[in-house]
Every structure is written in structure tokens, then in C-alpha cells.
Amino acid sequence: MAYLLGIDVGSTNLKAILFDDHGRVVARGDTPTRLSHPDAEHPDWAVWEPDQIWNGVAQSVKQVATRVDAGRIKGVAATGLGMDGVPLDQDGNWLYPFICWHCPRTIPQQEWWIEHIGAEKQFKVGGDQIWTFNTALRLLWMQANEPAILERTHKWVLIEDFVNYQLCGEFATDYSMASTTLLFDVKNRSWSGEMIERSGIDARLLCQPHPAGTVLGTVHETAAEATGLAAGTPVVLGGHDYCCGCLPTGAYEPGVVLDVLGTWEMVVAALDAPVLTPQGREMGALVDCHVARDKFTVMGATVSADMLEWFKREFGEKETELAESGDRTDWELLIDLARQSAIGSNGVFFLPHMSGSHCPVLDPKSAGTFAGLRNTHTRGDLLRAIVEGMGYQSFQIVKAFERNMSVESERIIAIGGPTNNDLLMQTKADILGKAIQVPEVEEAVPLGAAILAGIGTGVYQSEEDAFRQVSREGTSFEPDAGSHERYTELYRKYEELYPSMKEFYGG
């Protein structure tokens, strides 16, 4: 039986998960990711220290590799967050920390990019939204503030590609990671000469892009000593985290929509060709190259479960105390509270824009709103209204994908911690009017990276072959016809909330 290793470079943890060739977890290791604020003059500036990233990854891998015969690990691939990069010199020494996606320092560069290149042109070429943390804006900041460092830089390396370099000494990136930079031509799967010329960024700093699943090299002796991996283990290009999560769930094929649930919700669908329309840009969609060969993705992201955590923190003290002394969790008690409220939350509606709105309404000034409150309403009504508001928002994204991005939602697949919340999942299914399948899959994102390692090394012949071997059916939430009819009526009222509040919040 073959073993495959997926490394997940995340904002919270640096994970190493070892899988067998049927997608079952064999061993796991993790180390916290530490955010640093090293500049006393700019306490809001945030960075990842490269040594902490690599040492944390190496420590996590070692926790795994020492528990098995490392020689049975057929390949390793990395996935994780996009956009954050580090300048390396000719010898691979880092010259400046990763500017983290939390860091606000690139706001002036974002404003320059919007003024001189523009959101419409950017989306037409790269499928990008222009966010403060896009890779190109960090490079512009370095040009303006640390030009001597940039002159010494051989390559600007994205964070997963940094891990690959540490493992095998090769400079490279994959198409999905390159798609996050503002500098990639998504249609042609190559660096955009136009964007490079207009921005003044030096093209020599960019790593050569390749398809995910490409074998880069093998683990060298120094990396083997640090990680416990066998020297000579193949290192394979992984890709962006949510793209990797599509592989073990079947969402690499058009017609399947993947709903990734967590603090943020990411709705992802595969495309046969990139759809780079003004409507897609206006709804806040991202169009990237997929880690699946010859495919593209459209993704809409919005803050999601963070609002449930807010409710628990501010209004769930009673349930938290009961959970400490009983045999039920605080969330089990809170969901029971929400179940006491009827469909429609007894007239309460919730606009889930507590962190602004990102998709399909693109308005950072918007804010969360409870509407229809009376002095007879309960905490259960408010919590159910949040659950329903999150469901309406998911429905909005899926409908916008269908209307504007040529997406067919024949199947809905959901992964992530909130899938354990039966009320949330059933409400989503009832609002959508479609079954939502929650597959029995552990650690979908690092498993996707491991699948790419398997494709690159011949353990799997294709994405389809890998999916056949690792997929396992789980739970299906079937919509109730009566509930769907009721939610269809309520959704019409929900759609009036944002237009009614837009001027109030200054949007």
C-alpha cells in the first residue's frame, strides 16, 4: 500500500497529514503558525517569519515520518493559503519576511493598481479581484520601500513554493497559485506580459509556472534530516487550498458545486473555460486555474460561521456554563435553542454582512442587520435568523454562479466543521431546494495535495482514478418540499434587506 503526504500551510496551523492510497489518514502532525509584528513603528504590520514556517512544517512532517517506514511515502505535495510570498537570493536565503495577508501596508499600492490598471481590466486578464494582499502589491511595496532587498532577490516565492524549495531546492509554482498574484494570464496559463509591463514589476523575479501534479525534484539530504523523510522522496507541485479540496470531493468536474464551510464560506465550482465577464467581477467572484488538469475554478467567498461564534460569545454564556457541567456541548444546547423557533424565525430576518459583503454583493461598507425585531422575540429566534441568513447568502452565491458564470449546480457537496451542525445543513438544503452531500472525508485540503502527489508519481492515473479510490459516501441532507416552498417566499423578503440598508451604511 502506498503512502502519500499532504502538507497544508495554513494561517492557524502547519499540518502534515499522511494518507494511504484510499484516502484514509495514517498519521498526522501539526504545529501552530505564528503571526509576528516585529516593527515597533508599525505595530499593525504583520508577517510570517520564514524560519518559523519552515521549522514548523519540518516539525509537523517529522511527527508523521517517524511513525511509519518513511521509505513507503511515495510522494509529498504542499497546499495552503495563497498570495503571501518571500524574496530569496540566489542561494535560497530569505531576505525579508512574508508580508502576511493580515497586513494593511499595501493599501497605497492597491489604490495605485485600481487607478492605473483598473478592476475591469484586471478581471478580464487574470480573473482577480484587487485585494490589499495580492502578491503584486507586495512587490510594488518592496520596490518603493526596500529596493536594495529587491535588487538582491533572485526569486519571489509564494509560501507553498517556499516549502517546496526547502524540500528539494527547485524554484517553481503551479497555475492555481500563480492565479492569485494579479500577474497571471488565466486564459493562456502564463505570466501576463501586459500586467508585468504596466506595473513595472521585474519578470525575472517570478517562478516558472507548471501544472499542479508536476514532479519538481526529490527531497535532498538536508531536508531529509530536518523532516525525517527519506532522501529521494519525490516532491510534487500542489496548489491553492480550496482548489485542492475539490479533488477528493469530486468538485473538479463541472456540475458539482463545493461548499467549504468554516469561519469563511467558499463556494467553488469547476469550469471548462474561464468566464471573465463584467458580471463576474461585479459579484466579487474569483476565476483561477484549477489544480485539475485543463480546468478552471470560480470561487465566491464570504464570512460565515464567524457570525455564529459571535452569537455564542455574546449571547451564549448560559449554554457555555451548562456545557461545562453537563454531557452536552455548548453548540448542541444552542442549536436546540434555535430549533424552538419556527421556519422564518418568527418574523426576524438577518443580513449576514457583519464583516462587510464579499459575494455576490461586493460591498465592504455593508453591515449585519437584524430586521423585524419585537419585544416578544427570543435568543432562539435571533440564532435561527442567523442560520437562515447564512443559508440565504449561500443560495445567492449559487444562483449568481448559475446566472453569471455558466455554472450548473447538479450536485452540492459540503465540507468543513460546520457540516456537523444539522440545523444549518438542513436549512441550507431547504432553502436551496437541493440535496447537500457531506462526504466521509478527513482533511479534504491536504488530501487533495496528497492526491496530486499520487498523480505526479503514478499512484493514480488521473483525478478520476484518484476520486474512485478515495471517495466514500457520507450524509445527505434532503430538502423538505414544504419547507423549501416557505423559504422561497421568505427569500423574496430577504432580497429586499440589502437594497433597503445600502444607503444607511454608506455603500
Protein backbone atom coordinates (compact mmCIF):
# COMPACT_ATOMS: atom_id res chain seq x y z
CA MET A 1 0.00 0.00 0.00
CA ALA A 2 1.34 3.44 -0.96
CA TYR A 3 1.55 6.36 1.45
CA LEU A 4 1.16 9.96 0.26
CA LEU A 5 1.93 13.10 2.28
CA GLY A 6 -0.05 16.34 2.09
CA ILE A 7 1.34 19.48 3.72
CA ASP A 8 -1.17 22.25 4.49
CA VAL A 9 0.34 25.69 5.15
CA GLY A 10 -2.49 27.49 6.93
CA SER A 11 -2.92 30.70 8.87
CA THR A 12 -3.61 28.78 12.10
CA ASN A 13 -1.63 25.55 11.77
CA LEU A 14 1.09 23.96 9.69
CA LYS A 15 -0.26 20.47 9.06
CA ALA A 16 1.30 17.30 7.71
CA ILE A 17 -1.20 14.51 7.02
CA LEU A 18 -0.15 11.09 5.76
CA PHE A 19 -2.75 9.15 3.78
CA ASP A 20 -2.87 5.69 2.30
CA ASP A 21 -3.84 5.38 -1.35
CA HIS A 22 -7.51 5.03 -0.38
CA GLY A 23 -7.53 8.45 1.29
CA ARG A 24 -7.51 7.18 4.87
CA VAL A 25 -5.46 9.11 7.44
CA VAL A 26 -2.43 7.11 8.60
CA ALA A 27 -0.71 9.75 10.73
CA ARG A 28 -0.86 13.46 11.34
CA GLY A 29 1.29 16.22 12.77
CA ASP A 30 0.71 19.93 13.26
CA THR A 31 2.47 22.99 14.59
CA PRO A 32 0.89 26.41 15.22
CA THR A 33 1.53 29.15 12.67
CA ARG A 34 2.82 32.22 14.50
CA LEU A 35 1.94 35.71 13.31
CA SER A 36 4.59 38.34 14.10
CA HIS A 37 4.50 42.13 14.46
CA PRO A 38 8.22 42.94 14.50
CA ASP A 39 8.14 46.64 13.54
CA ALA A 40 7.58 48.82 16.62
CA GLU A 41 6.93 51.86 14.44
CA HIS A 42 4.17 49.99 12.59
CA PRO A 43 2.53 47.68 15.14
CA ASP A 44 -0.27 46.77 12.72
CA TRP A 45 2.18 45.37 10.16
CA ALA A 46 2.02 41.58 10.20
CA VAL A 47 4.46 38.98 8.86
CA TRP A 48 5.18 35.27 8.87
CA GLU A 49 8.80 34.56 9.77
CA PRO A 50 10.21 32.19 7.11
CA ASP A 51 12.23 30.19 9.65
CA GLN A 52 9.10 29.59 11.71
CA ILE A 53 7.18 28.46 8.64
CA TRP A 54 9.86 26.00 7.52
CA ASN A 55 10.78 24.75 11.00
CA GLY A 56 7.08 24.33 11.80
CA VAL A 57 6.48 22.37 8.61
CA ALA A 58 9.57 20.24 9.21
CA GLN A 59 8.47 19.53 12.79
CA SER A 60 4.95 18.54 11.63
CA VAL A 61 6.34 16.27 8.91
CA LYS A 62 8.72 14.66 11.37
CA GLN A 63 5.81 13.83 13.69
CA VAL A 64 4.40 11.83 10.77
CA ALA A 65 7.53 10.38 9.17
CA THR A 66 8.85 8.88 12.42
CA ARG A 67 5.64 6.87 12.90
CA VAL A 68 5.95 4.88 9.66
CA ASP A 69 8.61 3.48 7.38
CA ALA A 70 9.49 6.75 5.58
CA GLY A 71 10.59 4.77 2.54
CA ARG A 72 6.94 3.84 1.89
CA ILE A 73 6.00 7.51 1.34
CA LYS A 74 5.73 7.72 -2.44
CA GLY A 75 5.43 11.50 -2.74
CA VAL A 76 4.77 14.78 -0.95
CA ALA A 77 2.90 17.92 -2.07
CA ALA A 78 2.07 21.20 -0.34
CA THR A 79 -1.10 23.30 -0.32
CA GLY A 80 -2.39 26.22 1.70
CA LEU A 81 -3.05 29.92 1.65
CA GLY A 82 -2.30 31.97 -1.46
CA MET A 83 -0.61 35.28 -2.25
CA ASP A 84 1.92 35.57 0.61
CA GLY A 85 5.47 35.43 -0.74
CA VAL A 86 9.11 35.77 0.32
CA PRO A 87 12.19 37.12 -1.52
CA LEU A 88 15.01 34.58 -1.82
CA ASP A 89 18.53 35.25 -3.04
CA GLN A 90 20.48 33.10 -5.50
CA ASP A 91 21.44 30.69 -2.71
CA GLY A 92 17.89 30.40 -1.40
CA ASN A 93 18.40 32.60 1.67
CA TRP A 94 15.37 34.66 2.62
CA LEU A 95 15.85 38.43 2.59
CA TYR A 96 12.60 39.71 4.13
CA PRO A 97 9.70 38.01 5.96
CA PHE A 98 6.44 37.02 4.29
CA ILE A 99 4.12 40.04 4.33
CA CYS A 100 1.00 38.42 5.76
CA TRP A 101 -2.49 38.77 4.33
CA HIS A 102 -3.47 40.44 7.62
CA CYS A 103 -1.05 43.32 6.93
CA PRO A 104 -2.52 46.69 5.78
CA ARG A 105 0.71 48.23 4.47
CA THR A 106 -0.16 47.75 0.79
CA ILE A 107 -3.29 49.92 0.74
CA PRO A 108 -1.49 52.67 -1.29
CA GLN A 109 -0.38 50.05 -3.83
CA GLN A 110 -3.93 48.74 -4.07
CA GLU A 111 -5.19 52.26 -4.78
CA TRP A 112 -2.49 52.71 -7.46
CA TRP A 113 -3.44 49.42 -9.12
CA ILE A 114 -7.14 50.29 -9.16
CA GLU A 115 -6.41 53.73 -10.66
CA HIS A 116 -3.80 52.74 -13.26
CA ILE A 117 -4.88 49.23 -14.27
CA GLY A 118 -8.45 49.04 -13.03
CA ALA A 119 -10.74 46.35 -11.72
CA GLU A 120 -12.34 45.64 -15.10
CA LYS A 121 -9.04 45.12 -16.93
CA GLN A 122 -7.63 43.03 -14.07
CA PHE A 123 -10.58 40.64 -14.06
CA LYS A 124 -10.57 40.37 -17.85
CA VAL A 125 -6.94 39.18 -17.84
CA GLY A 126 -6.48 37.40 -14.54
CA GLY A 127 -9.92 36.74 -13.08
CA ASP A 128 -8.76 38.57 -9.93
CA GLN A 129 -10.40 40.92 -7.51
CA ILE A 130 -7.90 43.60 -6.40
CA TRP A 131 -7.30 42.97 -2.70
CA THR A 132 -4.68 44.61 -0.47
CA PHE A 133 -2.87 41.30 -0.02
CA ASN A 134 -2.38 40.37 -3.69
CA THR A 135 1.19 39.34 -4.44
CA ALA A 136 1.92 42.07 -6.99
CA LEU A 137 1.09 44.77 -4.45
CA ARG A 138 3.74 43.39 -2.05
CA LEU A 139 6.27 43.58 -4.88
CA LEU A 140 5.32 47.22 -5.54
CA TRP A 141 5.67 47.95 -1.82
CA MET A 142 9.14 46.40 -1.83
CA GLN A 143 10.12 48.50 -4.86
CA ALA A 144 9.07 51.66 -3.03
CA ASN A 145 10.34 50.82 0.45
CA GLU A 146 13.06 48.14 0.22
CA PRO A 147 14.58 48.50 -3.27
CA ALA A 148 18.01 47.26 -2.16
CA ILE A 149 16.47 43.99 -0.96
CA LEU A 150 14.58 43.55 -4.21
CA GLU A 151 17.79 44.12 -6.20
CA ARG A 152 19.38 41.20 -4.33
CA THR A 153 16.32 38.98 -4.86
CA HIS A 154 16.63 36.04 -7.23
CA LYS A 155 13.02 34.83 -6.94
CA TRP A 156 9.86 35.95 -5.16
CA VAL A 157 8.47 32.65 -3.87
CA LEU A 158 4.89 32.00 -2.74
CA ILE A 159 4.52 30.31 0.62
CA GLU A 160 3.83 26.74 -0.60
CA ASP A 161 6.58 27.12 -3.17
CA PHE A 162 8.93 28.15 -0.36
CA VAL A 163 8.19 24.82 1.34
CA ASN A 164 8.88 23.01 -1.93
CA TYR A 165 12.19 24.87 -2.33
CA GLN A 166 13.19 23.92 1.20
CA LEU A 167 12.41 20.28 0.41
CA CYS A 168 14.05 19.91 -2.99
CA GLY A 169 15.85 23.14 -3.96
CA GLU A 170 13.69 23.95 -7.01
CA PHE A 171 12.07 27.31 -7.82
CA ALA A 172 8.60 26.79 -9.32
CA THR A 173 4.91 27.50 -8.85
CA ASP A 174 1.68 25.98 -10.12
CA TYR A 175 -1.05 27.62 -12.19
CA SER A 176 -3.53 27.90 -9.30
CA MET A 177 -1.05 29.73 -7.05
CA ALA A 178 0.13 31.96 -9.89
CA SER A 179 -3.54 32.90 -10.42
CA THR A 180 -3.54 34.72 -7.05
CA THR A 181 -0.81 37.23 -7.93
CA LEU A 182 -2.54 39.82 -10.25
CA LEU A 183 0.20 38.99 -12.77
CA PHE A 184 -1.14 35.82 -14.40
CA ASP A 185 -2.99 35.44 -17.69
CA VAL A 186 -5.58 32.83 -16.72
CA LYS A 187 -6.71 32.03 -20.26
CA ASN A 188 -3.20 31.31 -21.50
CA ARG A 189 -1.84 29.86 -18.24
CA SER A 190 1.22 32.11 -18.38
CA TRP A 191 2.57 35.29 -16.82
CA SER A 192 0.87 38.33 -18.34
CA GLY A 193 3.35 40.47 -20.23
CA GLU A 194 0.84 43.31 -20.17
CA MET A 195 0.39 43.29 -16.38
CA ILE A 196 4.13 42.97 -15.81
CA GLU A 197 4.88 45.87 -18.15
CA ARG A 198 2.16 48.16 -16.82
CA SER A 199 3.11 47.53 -13.19
CA GLY A 200 6.87 47.81 -13.73
CA ILE A 201 7.49 44.54 -11.88
CA ASP A 202 10.63 42.66 -12.90
CA ALA A 203 9.54 39.43 -14.60
CA ARG A 204 12.77 37.66 -13.61
CA LEU A 205 11.51 37.56 -10.00
CA LEU A 206 8.64 35.22 -10.88
CA CYS A 207 8.94 31.44 -10.68
CA GLN A 208 8.19 29.32 -13.72
CA PRO A 209 4.55 28.12 -13.58
CA HIS A 210 3.66 24.44 -14.18
CA PRO A 211 0.51 22.31 -13.88
CA ALA A 212 -0.26 21.01 -10.39
CA GLY A 213 0.89 17.41 -10.11
CA THR A 214 4.24 18.12 -11.78
CA VAL A 215 7.22 16.40 -10.14
CA LEU A 216 9.70 19.13 -9.14
CA GLY A 217 12.53 17.06 -7.74
CA THR A 218 13.32 14.93 -4.71
CA VAL A 219 13.89 15.55 -1.02
CA HIS A 220 17.56 16.41 -0.52
CA GLU A 221 19.74 15.29 2.37
CA THR A 222 19.39 18.48 4.45
CA ALA A 223 15.59 18.39 4.19
CA ALA A 224 15.56 14.67 4.96
CA GLU A 225 17.44 15.28 8.18
CA ALA A 226 15.05 18.09 9.17
CA THR A 227 11.82 16.25 8.31
CA GLY A 228 12.52 12.54 8.74
CA LEU A 229 11.53 11.93 5.11
CA ALA A 230 13.70 9.61 3.07
CA ALA A 231 16.15 11.40 0.81
CA GLY A 232 14.98 10.96 -2.76
CA THR A 233 11.25 11.14 -1.96
CA PRO A 234 9.52 12.87 -4.91
CA VAL A 235 8.33 16.45 -4.30
CA VAL A 236 5.26 17.28 -6.40
CA LEU A 237 3.56 20.63 -7.07
CA GLY A 238 0.36 21.01 -5.08
CA GLY A 239 -1.76 24.15 -5.32
CA HIS A 240 -4.15 26.61 -3.73
CA ASP A 241 -6.05 25.20 -0.77
CA TYR A 242 -9.66 25.40 -1.90
CA CYS A 243 -8.72 24.03 -5.34
CA CYS A 244 -7.06 21.03 -3.69
CA GLY A 245 -10.19 20.47 -1.59
CA CYS A 246 -12.10 19.86 -4.82
CA LEU A 247 -10.19 16.69 -5.74
CA PRO A 248 -11.37 14.23 -3.04
CA THR A 249 -14.94 15.60 -3.21
CA GLY A 250 -15.47 15.28 -6.95
CA ALA A 251 -15.75 19.05 -7.47
CA TYR A 252 -13.12 19.04 -10.20
CA GLU A 253 -15.88 18.33 -12.73
CA PRO A 254 -18.39 20.96 -13.96
CA GLY A 255 -21.84 20.42 -12.46
CA VAL A 256 -20.53 19.85 -8.93
CA VAL A 257 -20.53 22.80 -6.52
CA LEU A 258 -18.32 22.56 -3.45
CA ASP A 259 -19.34 24.50 -0.33
CA VAL A 260 -16.35 24.86 2.01
CA LEU A 261 -17.65 25.88 5.42
CA GLY A 262 -15.67 27.49 8.21
CA THR A 263 -15.07 30.97 9.57
CA TRP A 264 -15.38 31.89 5.90
CA GLU A 265 -17.60 30.11 3.40
CA MET A 266 -16.12 29.44 -0.04
CA VAL A 267 -18.40 28.27 -2.82
CA VAL A 268 -16.33 26.69 -5.60
CA ALA A 269 -17.23 25.29 -9.00
CA ALA A 270 -15.16 23.90 -11.87
CA LEU A 271 -15.26 25.41 -15.34
CA ASP A 272 -14.15 24.05 -18.70
CA ALA A 273 -13.12 27.57 -19.74
CA PRO A 274 -12.62 30.78 -17.74
CA VAL A 275 -15.66 33.08 -17.59
CA LEU A 276 -14.22 36.59 -17.31
CA THR A 277 -17.34 38.72 -17.65
CA PRO A 278 -18.12 42.09 -16.02
CA GLN A 279 -20.95 40.38 -14.14
CA GLY A 280 -18.47 38.00 -12.52
CA ARG A 281 -16.25 40.88 -11.42
CA GLU A 282 -19.18 42.86 -10.06
CA MET A 283 -20.34 39.94 -7.90
CA GLY A 284 -16.88 39.52 -6.33
CA ALA A 285 -16.07 36.16 -7.96
CA LEU A 286 -12.54 34.87 -8.48
CA VAL A 287 -11.67 32.86 -11.57
CA ASP A 288 -8.46 30.82 -11.25
CA CYS A 289 -6.70 27.95 -12.92
CA HIS A 290 -7.65 24.70 -11.22
CA VAL A 291 -5.27 22.09 -9.84
CA ALA A 292 -7.24 19.63 -12.01
CA ARG A 293 -5.69 19.43 -15.45
CA ASP A 294 -7.26 21.67 -18.10
CA LYS A 295 -9.91 23.01 -15.70
CA PHE A 296 -10.62 26.39 -14.13
CA THR A 297 -12.43 27.40 -10.96
CA VAL A 298 -14.85 30.10 -9.97
CA MET A 299 -14.94 30.90 -6.27
CA GLY A 300 -17.12 33.18 -4.17
CA ALA A 301 -16.08 33.78 -0.56
CA THR A 302 -17.91 35.39 2.32
CA VAL A 303 -17.67 35.42 6.11
CA SER A 304 -19.89 32.70 7.50
CA ALA A 305 -19.51 30.70 10.74
CA ASP A 306 -17.73 33.63 12.38
CA MET A 307 -21.20 35.11 12.95
CA LEU A 308 -22.31 32.01 14.84
CA GLU A 309 -19.20 32.30 17.01
CA TRP A 310 -20.09 35.94 17.66
CA PHE A 311 -23.55 34.91 18.85
CA LYS A 312 -22.15 32.25 21.16
CA ARG A 313 -19.60 34.67 22.61
CA GLU A 314 -22.09 37.49 23.22
CA PHE A 315 -25.33 35.62 23.97
CA GLY A 316 -24.40 32.00 24.76
CA GLU A 317 -22.98 32.34 28.26
CA LYS A 318 -25.75 30.21 29.78
CA GLU A 319 -25.14 27.32 27.36
CA THR A 320 -21.38 27.57 27.84
CA GLU A 321 -21.80 27.22 31.61
CA LEU A 322 -24.23 24.30 31.23
CA ALA A 323 -21.83 22.52 28.88
CA GLU A 324 -19.03 22.73 31.44
CA SER A 325 -21.09 20.83 33.99
CA GLY A 326 -23.07 18.53 31.70
CA ASP A 327 -22.61 15.92 28.98
CA ARG A 328 -23.66 18.10 26.02
CA THR A 329 -21.63 20.71 24.15
CA ASP A 330 -22.46 24.39 24.12
CA TRP A 331 -23.34 24.19 20.42
CA GLU A 332 -25.70 21.27 20.94
CA LEU A 333 -27.54 23.35 23.53
CA LEU A 334 -27.57 26.45 21.33
CA ILE A 335 -28.89 24.57 18.31
CA ASP A 336 -31.69 23.14 20.46
CA LEU A 337 -32.49 26.74 21.37
CA ALA A 338 -32.66 27.71 17.68
CA ARG A 339 -34.86 24.70 16.88
CA GLN A 340 -37.51 26.10 19.23
CA SER A 341 -38.01 28.90 16.70
CA ALA A 342 -40.13 28.15 13.63
CA ILE A 343 -39.12 28.47 9.99
CA GLY A 344 -38.80 32.19 9.34
CA SER A 345 -37.56 32.85 12.90
CA ASN A 346 -40.96 34.21 13.91
CA GLY A 347 -40.53 37.15 11.56
CA VAL A 348 -36.88 38.02 12.22
CA PHE A 349 -34.52 38.42 9.25
CA PHE A 350 -30.75 38.67 9.42
CA LEU A 351 -28.45 40.24 6.82
CA PRO A 352 -25.15 38.33 7.29
CA HIS A 353 -22.80 41.21 6.44
CA MET A 354 -21.11 41.60 9.83
CA SER A 355 -17.70 41.78 8.12
CA GLY A 356 -18.97 43.58 5.05
CA SER A 357 -20.18 41.71 1.99
CA HIS A 358 -17.90 39.96 -0.47
CA CYS A 359 -20.03 37.81 -2.78
CA PRO A 360 -22.39 38.01 -4.61
CA VAL A 361 -22.88 41.53 -3.24
CA LEU A 362 -19.49 43.25 -3.26
CA ASP A 363 -19.76 45.99 -0.64
CA PRO A 364 -17.21 46.22 2.21
CA LYS A 365 -19.24 49.01 3.83
CA SER A 366 -22.34 46.89 4.33
CA ALA A 367 -23.05 45.63 7.86
CA GLY A 368 -25.02 42.95 9.65
CA THR A 369 -28.67 43.73 10.31
CA PHE A 370 -31.50 42.16 12.29
CA ALA A 371 -34.87 43.24 10.89
CA GLY A 372 -38.38 42.70 12.23
CA LEU A 373 -37.47 42.59 15.93
CA ARG A 374 -40.20 42.82 18.58
CA ASN A 375 -40.07 42.52 22.35
CA THR A 376 -41.52 39.02 22.09
CA HIS A 377 -38.52 37.61 20.22
CA THR A 378 -36.08 35.26 21.91
CA ARG A 379 -32.40 34.36 21.63
CA GLY A 380 -33.54 31.28 19.73
CA ASP A 381 -35.26 33.46 17.14
CA LEU A 382 -32.10 35.51 16.67
CA LEU A 383 -29.88 32.45 16.35
CA ARG A 384 -32.23 30.80 13.87
CA ALA A 385 -32.33 34.06 11.89
CA ILE A 386 -28.52 33.96 11.64
CA VAL A 387 -28.65 30.34 10.42
CA GLU A 388 -31.30 31.26 7.85
CA GLY A 389 -29.40 34.38 6.76
CA MET A 390 -26.32 32.25 6.12
CA GLY A 391 -28.47 29.87 4.06
CA TYR A 392 -29.96 32.70 2.01
CA GLN A 393 -26.46 34.02 1.34
CA SER A 394 -25.29 30.60 0.09
CA PHE A 395 -28.34 30.45 -2.16
CA GLN A 396 -27.49 33.91 -3.53
CA ILE A 397 -23.98 32.81 -4.45
CA VAL A 398 -25.13 29.60 -6.16
CA LYS A 399 -27.83 31.46 -8.12
CA ALA A 400 -25.30 34.13 -9.15
CA PHE A 401 -22.92 31.41 -10.33
CA GLU A 402 -25.68 29.89 -12.43
CA ARG A 403 -26.76 33.25 -13.83
CA ASN A 404 -23.39 34.90 -14.47
CA MET A 405 -20.67 32.22 -14.57
CA SER A 406 -22.13 29.36 -16.67
CA VAL A 407 -22.25 27.06 -13.63
CA GLU A 408 -24.67 24.16 -13.38
CA SER A 409 -25.32 23.07 -9.80
CA GLU A 410 -26.31 19.46 -10.40
CA ARG A 411 -24.73 18.34 -7.10
CA ILE A 412 -23.89 20.28 -3.94
CA ILE A 413 -21.04 18.92 -1.79
CA ALA A 414 -20.18 20.44 1.59
CA ILE A 415 -17.08 20.04 3.76
CA GLY A 416 -15.78 21.71 6.90
CA GLY A 417 -16.54 21.80 10.62
CA PRO A 418 -19.99 23.46 10.37
CA THR A 419 -21.28 20.45 8.40
CA ASN A 420 -21.70 18.86 11.85
CA ASN A 421 -24.45 21.42 12.55
CA ASP A 422 -27.55 19.54 11.37
CA LEU A 423 -29.84 22.57 11.64
CA LEU A 424 -27.53 24.68 9.50
CA MET A 425 -27.17 21.98 6.84
CA GLN A 426 -30.88 21.10 6.71
CA THR A 427 -31.77 24.79 6.47
CA LYS A 428 -29.35 25.21 3.57
CA ALA A 429 -30.86 22.22 1.77
CA ASP A 430 -34.40 23.50 2.33
CA ILE A 431 -33.51 26.97 1.03
CA LEU A 432 -31.61 25.65 -1.99
CA GLY A 433 -34.24 23.03 -2.75
CA LYS A 434 -31.41 20.59 -3.46
CA ALA A 435 -29.74 17.77 -1.56
CA ILE A 436 -26.43 18.64 0.09
CA GLN A 437 -23.99 15.76 0.35
CA VAL A 438 -21.39 15.68 3.12
CA PRO A 439 -18.85 13.02 2.10
CA GLU A 440 -16.96 10.93 4.60
CA VAL A 441 -13.61 12.57 4.03
CA GLU A 442 -10.96 13.60 6.53
CA GLU A 443 -8.83 16.66 5.89
CA ALA A 444 -10.04 17.31 2.34
CA VAL A 445 -7.49 20.04 1.56
CA PRO A 446 -4.29 18.14 2.47
CA LEU A 447 -5.85 15.01 0.96
CA GLY A 448 -6.17 16.96 -2.29
CA ALA A 449 -2.46 17.78 -2.09
CA ALA A 450 -1.69 14.11 -1.41
CA ILE A 451 -3.77 13.16 -4.46
CA LEU A 452 -1.63 15.49 -6.58
CA ALA A 453 1.46 13.80 -5.14
CA GLY A 454 -0.10 10.48 -6.17
CA ILE A 455 -0.91 11.69 -9.69
CA GLY A 456 2.61 13.00 -10.13
CA THR A 457 4.20 9.76 -9.01
CA GLY A 458 1.86 7.39 -10.84
CA VAL A 459 -0.06 6.08 -7.83
CA TYR A 460 -3.17 7.45 -9.58
CA GLN A 461 -3.63 7.76 -13.32
CA SER A 462 -5.87 10.83 -13.15
CA GLU A 463 -8.17 12.89 -10.94
CA GLU A 464 -10.99 10.49 -11.80
CA ASP A 465 -8.91 7.46 -10.81
CA ALA A 466 -7.96 9.08 -7.50
CA PHE A 467 -11.56 10.04 -6.74
CA ARG A 468 -12.76 6.49 -7.35
CA GLN A 469 -10.24 5.21 -4.83
CA VAL A 470 -10.64 7.79 -2.04
CA SER A 471 -14.32 8.76 -2.19
CA ARG A 472 -16.69 7.49 0.48
CA GLU A 473 -20.34 8.42 0.82
CA GLY A 474 -21.36 10.21 3.98
CA THR A 475 -24.51 12.08 4.98
CA SER A 476 -27.06 13.59 2.62
CA PHE A 477 -29.37 16.40 3.70
CA GLU A 478 -32.51 16.14 1.56
CA PRO A 479 -34.73 19.21 1.13
CA ASP A 480 -38.25 19.17 2.52
CA ALA A 481 -40.68 20.30 -0.18
CA GLY A 482 -42.92 22.25 2.19
CA SER A 483 -40.00 23.97 3.88
CA HIS A 484 -38.50 24.89 0.50
CA GLU A 485 -41.78 26.45 -0.61
CA ARG A 486 -41.92 28.51 2.58
CA TYR A 487 -38.27 29.59 2.27
CA THR A 488 -38.84 30.60 -1.36
CA GLU A 489 -41.43 33.10 -0.15
CA LEU A 490 -39.20 34.35 2.66
CA TYR A 491 -36.20 34.70 0.34
CA ARG A 492 -38.04 37.36 -1.66
CA LYS A 493 -38.23 39.47 1.50
CA TYR A 494 -34.60 38.72 2.39
CA GLU A 495 -33.50 40.08 -1.00
CA GLU A 496 -35.01 43.47 -0.07
CA LEU A 497 -32.81 43.84 3.02
CA TYR A 498 -29.52 44.90 1.44
CA PRO A 499 -31.01 47.43 -1.02
CA SER A 500 -33.00 48.92 1.85
CA MET A 501 -29.94 49.31 4.11
CA LYS A 502 -27.31 50.19 1.49
CA GLU A 503 -27.59 53.98 1.80
CA PHE A 504 -27.76 53.79 5.59
CA TYR A 505 -24.35 52.11 5.71
CA GLY A 506 -22.86 54.36 3.04
CA GLY A 507 -22.45 51.65 0.40
